[in-house]
C-alpha atoms as a PDB file:
ATOM      1  CA  MET A   1       0.031   0.307   0.563  1.00  0.00           C
ATOM      2  CA  ALA A   2       1.581   3.530  -1.182  1.00  0.00           C
ATOM      3  CA  GLU A   3      -0.249   6.505   0.184  1.00  0.00           C
ATOM      4  CA  PHE A   4      -1.258   9.301  -1.927  1.00  0.00           C
ATOM      5  CA  THR A   5      -2.586  12.462  -2.730  1.00  0.00           C
ATOM      6  CA  ILE A   6      -4.719  14.000  -5.835  1.00  0.00           C
ATOM      7  CA  ASN A   7      -5.478  17.641  -5.895  1.00  0.00           C
ATOM      8  CA  SER A   8      -8.521  18.593  -7.725  1.00  0.00           C
ATOM      9  CA  GLU A   9      -7.969  22.610  -9.663  1.00  0.00           C
ATOM     10  CA  THR A  10      -8.345  25.401  -7.939  1.00  0.00           C
ATOM     11  CA  HIS A  11     -11.914  27.086  -8.827  1.00  0.00           C
ATOM     12  CA  ASP A  12     -13.737  30.455  -7.892  1.00  0.00           C
ATOM     13  CA  THR A  13     -16.534  30.287  -5.800  1.00  0.00           C
ATOM     14  CA  GLN A  14     -20.002  32.199  -6.873  1.00  0.00           C
ATOM     15  CA  SER A  15     -20.792  32.403  -2.414  1.00  0.00           C
ATOM     16  CA  ASN A  16     -19.084  33.909   0.623  1.00  0.00           C
ATOM     17  CA  LEU A  17     -16.739  31.079   2.313  1.00  0.00           C
ATOM     18  CA  LYS A  18     -18.401  31.145   5.266  1.00  0.00           C
ATOM     19  CA  SER A  19     -21.690  30.207   3.285  1.00  0.00           C
ATOM     20  CA  LEU A  20     -20.073  27.076   2.019  1.00  0.00           C
ATOM     21  CA  PHE A  21     -18.871  26.068   5.304  1.00  0.00           C
ATOM     22  CA  GLU A  22     -22.097  25.750   6.288  1.00  0.00           C
ATOM     23  CA  PHE A  23     -23.232  23.858   3.376  1.00  0.00           C
ATOM     24  CA  LEU A  24     -20.662  21.677   3.542  1.00  0.00           C
ATOM     25  CA  ILE A  25     -20.801  20.349   7.055  1.00  0.00           C
ATOM     26  CA  ASP A  26     -25.086  19.438   6.445  1.00  0.00           C
ATOM     27  CA  PHE A  27     -24.612  16.145   4.494  1.00  0.00           C
ATOM     28  CA  ARG A  28     -28.036  16.447   3.076  1.00  0.00           C
ATOM     29  CA  ASN A  29     -25.871  18.981   1.214  1.00  0.00           C
ATOM     30  CA  PHE A  30     -22.925  16.477   0.429  1.00  0.00           C
ATOM     31  CA  LYS A  31     -25.166  15.027  -3.116  1.00  0.00           C
ATOM     32  CA  SER A  32     -25.240  18.286  -4.707  1.00  0.00           C
ATOM     33  CA  ILE A  33     -21.425  18.072  -5.422  1.00  0.00           C
ATOM     34  CA  LEU A  34     -20.761  14.655  -6.462  1.00  0.00           C
ATOM     35  CA  PRO A  35     -21.056  13.621 -10.302  1.00  0.00           C
ATOM     36  CA  GLU A  36     -25.001  12.917 -10.353  1.00  0.00           C
ATOM     37  CA  GLU A  37     -25.064  10.884 -12.750  1.00  0.00           C
ATOM     38  CA  LYS A  38     -22.495   8.249 -11.351  1.00  0.00           C
ATOM     39  CA  VAL A  39     -24.363   8.841  -7.670  1.00  0.00           C
ATOM     40  CA  GLU A  40     -26.607   5.812  -6.920  1.00  0.00           C
ATOM     41  CA  ASN A  41     -28.958   5.235  -3.313  1.00  0.00           C
ATOM     42  CA  PHE A  42     -28.025   8.274  -1.670  1.00  0.00           C
ATOM     43  CA  GLU A  43     -28.599   8.801   2.098  1.00  0.00           C
ATOM     44  CA  PHE A  44     -28.284  10.742   5.144  1.00  0.00           C
ATOM     45  CA  THR A  45     -27.723  11.240   8.381  1.00  0.00           C
ATOM     46  CA  THR A  46     -26.815  14.097  10.891  1.00  0.00           C
ATOM     47  CA  GLU A  47     -23.530  12.279  11.513  1.00  0.00           C
ATOM     48  CA  GLN A  48     -22.423  10.527   8.118  1.00  0.00           C
ATOM     49  CA  CYS A  49     -23.992  10.318   4.501  1.00  0.00           C
ATOM     50  CA  SER A  50     -23.633   7.095   1.930  1.00  0.00           C
ATOM     51  CA  PHE A  51     -23.717   6.200  -1.558  1.00  0.00           C
ATOM     52  CA  SER A  52     -22.442   4.260  -4.168  1.00  0.00           C
ATOM     53  CA  ILE A  53     -20.872   5.280  -7.460  1.00  0.00           C
ATOM     54  CA  LYS A  54     -21.757   3.055 -10.271  1.00  0.00           C
ATOM     55  CA  GLY A  55     -19.343   0.232 -10.674  1.00  0.00           C
ATOM     56  CA  VAL A  56     -17.915   0.611  -7.126  1.00  0.00           C
ATOM     57  CA  THR A  57     -18.947  -0.964  -3.381  1.00  0.00           C
ATOM     58  CA  PRO A  58     -20.734   1.126  -1.186  1.00  0.00           C
ATOM     59  CA  MET A  59     -19.622   3.894   0.541  1.00  0.00           C
ATOM     60  CA  THR A  60     -19.917   5.745   3.507  1.00  0.00           C
ATOM     61  CA  ILE A  61     -18.639   9.207   4.541  1.00  0.00           C
ATOM     62  CA  THR A  62     -18.315  10.546   8.431  1.00  0.00           C
ATOM     63  CA  LEU A  63     -16.903  14.407   8.584  1.00  0.00           C
ATOM     64  CA  LYS A  64     -13.954  13.706  10.071  1.00  0.00           C
ATOM     65  CA  GLU A  65     -12.870  17.305  11.360  1.00  0.00           C
ATOM     66  CA  LYS A  66     -13.616  20.999  10.382  1.00  0.00           C
ATOM     67  CA  HIS A  67     -11.901  24.753  10.866  1.00  0.00           C
ATOM     68  CA  PRO A  68     -14.613  27.083  10.390  1.00  0.00           C
ATOM     69  CA  PHE A  69     -14.713  28.563   7.235  1.00  0.00           C
ATOM     70  CA  SER A  70     -11.226  27.506   6.063  1.00  0.00           C
ATOM     71  CA  TYR A  71     -11.661  23.702   5.401  1.00  0.00           C
ATOM     72  CA  VAL A  72     -13.452  20.540   6.165  1.00  0.00           C
ATOM     73  CA  ILE A  73     -11.805  16.993   6.459  1.00  0.00           C
ATOM     74  CA  PHE A  74     -14.379  14.393   5.063  1.00  0.00           C
ATOM     75  CA  GLN A  75     -13.362  10.372   5.941  1.00  0.00           C
ATOM     76  CA  SER A  76     -14.612   7.176   4.129  1.00  0.00           C
ATOM     77  CA  ASP A  77     -15.323   4.353   6.434  1.00  0.00           C
ATOM     78  CA  GLY A  78     -16.093   0.790   6.053  1.00  0.00           C
ATOM     79  CA  LEU A  79     -14.366  -0.092   2.660  1.00  0.00           C
ATOM     80  CA  ALA A  80     -12.221  -3.044   2.973  1.00  0.00           C
ATOM     81  CA  LYS A  81      -9.364  -2.062   0.074  1.00  0.00           C
ATOM     82  CA  PHE A  82      -9.825   2.252  -0.345  1.00  0.00           C
ATOM     83  CA  ASN A  83      -9.937   3.885   2.823  1.00  0.00           C
ATOM     84  CA  PHE A  84      -9.543   8.059   1.852  1.00  0.00           C
ATOM     85  CA  SER A  85      -9.800  11.474   3.609  1.00  0.00           C
ATOM     86  CA  LEU A  86     -12.053  14.368   1.438  1.00  0.00           C
ATOM     87  CA  LYS A  87     -10.435  17.790   2.470  1.00  0.00           C
ATOM     88  CA  VAL A  88     -11.981  20.730   0.914  1.00  0.00           C
ATOM     89  CA  ASN A  89     -10.452  24.298   1.353  1.00  0.00           C
ATOM     90  CA  LEU A  90     -11.699  26.874   1.343  1.00  0.00           C
ATOM     91  CA  LEU A  91      -9.029  30.349   0.785  1.00  0.00           C
ATOM     92  CA  GLY A  92      -9.783  33.399   1.405  1.00  0.00           C
ATOM     93  CA  ASP A  93     -12.072  36.020   3.180  1.00  0.00           C
ATOM     94  CA  PRO A  94     -14.844  34.253   4.987  1.00  0.00           C
ATOM     95  CA  ASP A  95     -17.315  37.271   3.965  1.00  0.00           C
ATOM     96  CA  HIS A  96     -16.308  37.202   0.306  1.00  0.00           C
ATOM     97  CA  LYS A  97     -16.049  34.996  -2.455  1.00  0.00           C
ATOM     98  CA  GLY A  98     -12.829  33.213  -2.965  1.00  0.00           C
ATOM     99  CA  LYS A  99     -11.060  30.167  -3.534  1.00  0.00           C
ATOM    100  CA  CYS A 100     -12.235  25.961  -3.274  1.00  0.00           C
ATOM    101  CA  GLN A 101     -10.232  22.912  -4.018  1.00  0.00           C
ATOM    102  CA  ILE A 102     -10.331  19.636  -2.882  1.00  0.00           C
ATOM    103  CA  ASP A 103      -7.126  16.824  -1.898  1.00  0.00           C
ATOM    104  CA  LEU A 104      -8.364  13.386  -1.806  1.00  0.00           C
ATOM    105  CA  ILE A 105      -5.749  11.969   0.613  1.00  0.00           C
ATOM    106  CA  GLY A 106      -5.525   8.001   0.085  1.00  0.00           C
ATOM    107  CA  ASP A 107      -3.503   4.700   0.163  1.00  0.00           C
ATOM    108  CA  LEU A 108      -3.464   2.455  -2.318  1.00  0.00           C
ATOM    109  CA  ASN A 109      -1.730  -1.020  -4.022  1.00  0.00           C
ATOM    110  CA  PRO A 110       0.805   0.911  -6.601  1.00  0.00           C
ATOM    111  CA  PHE A 111      -0.703  -0.923  -9.362  1.00  0.00           C
ATOM    112  CA  ILE A 112      -4.797  -0.220  -8.336  1.00  0.00           C
ATOM    113  CA  LYS A 113      -3.926   3.184  -8.274  1.00  0.00           C
ATOM    114  CA  THR A 114      -2.137   3.657 -11.604  1.00  0.00           C
ATOM    115  CA  MET A 115      -5.483   1.980 -12.526  1.00  0.00           C
ATOM    116  CA  VAL A 116      -7.960   4.533 -10.464  1.00  0.00           C
ATOM    117  CA  GLU A 117      -5.712   7.821 -10.406  1.00  0.00           C
ATOM    118  CA  LYS A 118      -7.682   8.998 -13.565  1.00  0.00           C
ATOM    119  CA  GLN A 119     -10.977   8.389 -12.304  1.00  0.00           C
ATOM    120  CA  LEU A 120     -10.329   9.673  -9.044  1.00  0.00           C
ATOM    121  CA  SER A 121      -8.723  13.062 -10.811  1.00  0.00           C
ATOM    122  CA  ALA A 122     -11.655  13.540 -12.306  1.00  0.00           C
ATOM    123  CA  LEU A 123     -14.210  12.982  -9.740  1.00  0.00           C
ATOM    124  CA  VAL A 124     -12.487  15.995  -7.080  1.00  0.00           C
ATOM    125  CA  ASN A 125     -12.173  17.978 -10.452  1.00  0.00           C
ATOM    126  CA  THR A 126     -15.818  17.757 -10.814  1.00  0.00           C
ATOM    127  CA  MET A 127     -16.674  18.451  -6.890  1.00  0.00           C
ATOM    128  CA  SER A 128     -14.374  21.313  -6.679  1.00  0.00           C
ATOM    129  CA  SER A 129     -16.406  22.838  -9.768  1.00  0.00           C
ATOM    130  CA  ARG A 130     -19.513  21.830  -8.498  1.00  0.00           C
ATOM    131  CA  LEU A 131     -18.903  23.309  -4.953  1.00  0.00           C
ATOM    132  CA  SER A 132     -17.329  26.052  -6.626  1.00  0.00           C
ATOM    133  CA  VAL A 133     -20.729  27.058  -8.513  1.00  0.00           C
ATOM    134  CA  LEU A 134     -23.482  26.753  -5.862  1.00  0.00           C
ATOM    135  CA  ALA A 135     -24.959  30.220  -5.464  1.00  0.00           C
ATOM    136  CA  ILE A 136     -26.289  29.731  -1.988  1.00  0.00           C
END
């Protein structure tokens, strides 16, 4: 197993960072930053959300850490072969529009990583892009 990080592109936000932070820590909103054509069976509670990405095992996401208006770290739970963290970075003054960027930090067999790296990069770029265009 080898630890790795995939960084999304950085995007300008349409909403102020304070609003985006509050939006992110409410799990009912998590689905809106996922690629809608690939997500199935989305469910949420105040503590977590769970869903399947077509062709991938079901997963559960929990909130691991939050630093108001700067970043939120989500963590996967219960995946046998691939556990990861998603760090959503909010860059700039919380009361104004800023920038957002997402890091996926994981641990995978290097061979498997080369097979899925392109899809994981596309996923974090889609999530960052979708977050940036939200008008909250």
